[in-house]
Amino acid sequence: MLFRSGGVFSAWRPDAEGVLRLDPSGVVKGWADERAARHLRVLPDTDSCLSAGGDLTCHVADPASAPWGIGVEDPADPRRLLARIPVRSGAVATSGATHRGAHVVDARTGRTPQLLASVTVVAASLTDADIDATTAFALDGDAVTWLGLRPCVALVVWRDGRTETVTGRPY
């Protein structure tokens, strides 16, 4: 995680005394969802979409079937959708401050994002999508450039309401 994010995302957090302690909360939800979804994928002729707190792992068994349509909420008004993403086989994760406040920080600086409202990432793996969404959100103004190097597709929502779609390397 440290290598791929340049230190922006870290599962190690300082406690009150400044001692680094393992805090897997930034990645364990996506990892657990992905592990559970493996059991669904082996079921013949079964589509699945497993959600853990809004992060999703999707699979369509029949190539002729329609993809799952995953809604991306507007961080300024969570009752409104900004986009609907078709997913046949892959994962979707969003990072932002709408539901949990300013909980994402750049692990190198301790700063919270000021320019971004949310980042949604579509990737092959939910663990990757989750880490990439959190890292990109923490990177704030540098998110779009960094995501362009990752194997994903992303929707970046700026605090001023602008949106950008980023197509990185194929996943």
Protein backbone atom coordinates (compact mmCIF):
# COMPACT_ATOMS: atom_id res chain seq x y z
CA MET A 1 0.00 0.00 0.00
CA LEU A 2 2.80 2.40 0.87
CA PHE A 3 4.61 1.69 -2.42
CA ARG A 4 1.62 2.18 -4.68
CA SER A 5 0.51 5.40 -2.95
CA GLY A 6 3.90 6.97 -2.32
CA GLY A 7 3.07 7.05 1.40
CA VAL A 8 -0.25 8.90 1.00
CA PHE A 9 -2.28 5.87 2.12
CA SER A 10 -1.08 3.97 5.15
CA ALA A 11 -2.52 1.33 7.46
CA TRP A 12 -0.15 2.57 10.16
CA ARG A 13 -1.40 5.47 12.30
CA PRO A 14 0.24 7.24 15.22
CA ASP A 15 -1.53 6.80 18.57
CA ALA A 16 -1.78 9.53 21.25
CA GLU A 17 1.88 8.97 22.19
CA GLY A 18 3.05 9.08 18.57
CA VAL A 19 3.69 5.31 18.38
CA LEU A 20 2.71 3.81 15.01
CA ARG A 21 -0.09 1.24 15.37
CA LEU A 22 -1.70 -0.94 12.73
CA ASP A 23 -5.11 0.46 11.72
CA PRO A 24 -6.51 -1.67 8.87
CA SER A 25 -9.86 0.16 8.83
CA GLY A 26 -9.00 1.90 5.56
CA VAL A 27 -8.79 -1.36 3.63
CA VAL A 28 -10.45 -4.18 5.57
CA LYS A 29 -14.03 -3.45 4.42
CA GLY A 30 -13.17 -3.83 0.73
CA TRP A 31 -10.92 -6.81 1.40
CA ALA A 32 -13.68 -8.62 3.34
CA ASP A 33 -16.31 -7.88 0.67
CA GLU A 34 -14.00 -9.18 -2.04
CA ARG A 35 -13.28 -12.39 -0.10
CA ALA A 36 -17.01 -13.03 0.43
CA ALA A 37 -17.79 -12.36 -3.25
CA ARG A 38 -15.40 -15.15 -4.33
CA HIS A 39 -17.88 -17.67 -2.95
CA LEU A 40 -20.67 -16.20 -5.08
CA ARG A 41 -18.64 -16.28 -8.30
CA VAL A 42 -18.31 -20.06 -8.24
CA LEU A 43 -22.08 -20.55 -8.29
CA PRO A 44 -23.13 -21.50 -11.82
CA ASP A 45 -25.34 -19.05 -13.75
CA THR A 46 -25.42 -16.62 -10.83
CA ASP A 47 -24.99 -12.87 -11.06
CA SER A 48 -23.90 -11.13 -7.89
CA CYS A 49 -23.36 -7.67 -6.52
CA LEU A 50 -22.13 -7.57 -2.94
CA SER A 51 -22.02 -4.25 -1.09
CA ALA A 52 -20.06 -3.34 2.03
CA GLY A 53 -20.93 0.18 3.09
CA GLY A 54 -21.46 1.29 -0.50
CA ASP A 55 -18.30 -0.28 -1.95
CA LEU A 56 -19.27 -3.08 -4.34
CA THR A 57 -17.98 -6.23 -5.98
CA CYS A 58 -20.02 -7.17 -9.07
CA HIS A 59 -20.11 -10.15 -11.41
CA VAL A 60 -22.36 -11.03 -14.35
CA ALA A 61 -22.21 -14.76 -15.16
CA ASP A 62 -23.75 -14.69 -18.65
CA PRO A 63 -21.89 -12.46 -21.14
CA ALA A 64 -25.23 -11.78 -22.89
CA SER A 65 -26.78 -10.38 -19.69
CA ALA A 66 -26.92 -6.68 -18.92
CA PRO A 67 -24.27 -5.26 -16.59
CA TRP A 68 -25.04 -4.04 -13.09
CA GLY A 69 -25.86 -0.30 -13.07
CA ILE A 70 -24.01 1.25 -10.14
CA GLY A 71 -25.15 4.72 -9.09
CA VAL A 72 -22.65 7.36 -7.99
CA GLU A 73 -24.22 9.82 -5.58
CA ASP A 74 -23.67 13.55 -5.67
CA PRO A 75 -21.56 14.45 -2.61
CA ALA A 76 -23.38 17.81 -2.41
CA ASP A 77 -26.78 16.05 -2.36
CA PRO A 78 -26.59 12.28 -1.68
CA ARG A 79 -30.23 11.87 -2.79
CA ARG A 80 -29.15 12.71 -6.35
CA LEU A 81 -27.11 10.51 -8.72
CA LEU A 82 -24.28 12.04 -10.74
CA ALA A 83 -23.65 8.94 -12.84
CA ARG A 84 -24.63 5.33 -13.41
CA ILE A 85 -21.68 3.04 -14.09
CA PRO A 86 -22.17 -0.28 -15.93
CA VAL A 87 -20.10 -3.05 -14.30
CA ARG A 88 -19.95 -6.63 -15.64
CA SER A 89 -17.10 -7.93 -13.54
CA GLY A 90 -15.20 -5.72 -11.19
CA ALA A 91 -15.48 -3.43 -8.23
CA VAL A 92 -16.53 0.11 -7.36
CA ALA A 93 -15.34 2.13 -4.35
CA THR A 94 -15.92 5.76 -3.36
CA SER A 95 -13.96 7.90 -0.95
CA GLY A 96 -15.15 11.26 0.30
CA ALA A 97 -16.26 13.22 3.33
CA THR A 98 -20.04 13.33 2.77
CA HIS A 99 -21.06 10.56 5.18
CA ARG A 100 -18.12 10.31 7.60
CA GLY A 101 -16.72 13.83 7.67
CA ALA A 102 -13.02 14.66 7.24
CA HIS A 103 -11.70 11.20 8.08
CA VAL A 104 -9.30 10.80 5.12
CA VAL A 105 -5.87 12.36 5.48
CA ASP A 106 -2.66 12.35 3.49
CA ALA A 107 -0.53 10.07 5.71
CA ARG A 108 2.59 12.06 4.78
CA THR A 109 1.23 15.42 5.94
CA GLY A 110 -1.89 14.76 8.04
CA ARG A 111 -3.87 17.15 5.82
CA THR A 112 -7.45 16.55 4.73
CA PRO A 113 -8.52 17.18 1.12
CA GLN A 114 -9.65 20.74 0.43
CA LEU A 115 -10.38 20.69 -3.31
CA LEU A 116 -12.14 17.34 -3.79
CA ALA A 117 -15.63 16.26 -2.74
CA SER A 118 -15.32 12.56 -3.70
CA VAL A 119 -13.49 10.03 -5.85
CA THR A 120 -15.16 6.89 -7.24
CA VAL A 121 -12.91 4.19 -8.72
CA VAL A 122 -13.84 1.17 -10.86
CA ALA A 123 -11.18 -1.56 -10.91
CA ALA A 124 -10.83 -5.32 -11.19
CA SER A 125 -10.44 -5.78 -7.42
CA LEU A 126 -12.32 -4.05 -4.59
CA THR A 127 -9.18 -3.94 -2.48
CA ASP A 128 -7.46 -2.03 -5.29
CA ALA A 129 -10.48 0.20 -5.97
CA ASP A 130 -10.81 1.02 -2.26
CA ILE A 131 -7.12 1.88 -1.80
CA ASP A 132 -7.01 3.84 -5.05
CA ALA A 133 -10.16 5.87 -4.22
CA THR A 134 -8.83 6.71 -0.75
CA THR A 135 -5.35 7.55 -2.02
CA ALA A 136 -6.70 9.73 -4.83
CA PHE A 137 -9.04 11.56 -2.45
CA ALA A 138 -6.15 12.17 -0.01
CA LEU A 139 -3.99 13.43 -2.90
CA ASP A 140 -6.56 16.19 -3.40
CA GLY A 141 -5.50 18.38 -6.35
CA ASP A 142 -3.09 15.71 -7.66
CA ALA A 143 -5.77 12.98 -7.83
CA VAL A 144 -6.48 13.15 -11.57
CA THR A 145 -2.80 12.85 -12.56
CA TRP A 146 -2.20 9.95 -10.15
CA LEU A 147 -5.36 8.07 -11.23
CA GLY A 148 -4.28 8.33 -14.87
CA LEU A 149 -1.38 6.00 -14.01
CA ARG A 150 -3.53 3.39 -12.23
CA PRO A 151 -5.36 0.40 -13.78
CA CYS A 152 -8.84 1.86 -13.28
CA VAL A 153 -11.55 4.23 -14.42
CA ALA A 154 -12.55 6.99 -12.02
CA LEU A 155 -15.04 9.79 -11.49
CA VAL A 156 -13.54 12.74 -9.61
CA VAL A 157 -15.94 15.27 -8.09
CA TRP A 158 -14.50 18.64 -7.11
CA ARG A 159 -15.96 20.71 -4.26
CA ASP A 160 -17.03 23.36 -6.78
CA GLY A 161 -19.27 20.73 -8.46
CA ARG A 162 -17.10 20.00 -11.50
CA THR A 163 -16.62 16.36 -12.44
CA GLU A 164 -13.83 14.64 -14.35
CA THR A 165 -13.72 11.13 -15.72
CA VAL A 166 -10.26 9.59 -15.65
CA THR A 167 -9.32 6.56 -17.71
CA GLY A 168 -6.11 5.03 -16.42
CA ARG A 169 -4.43 1.90 -17.70
CA PRO A 170 -6.77 -0.98 -18.61
CA TYR A 171 -7.66 -3.16 -15.61
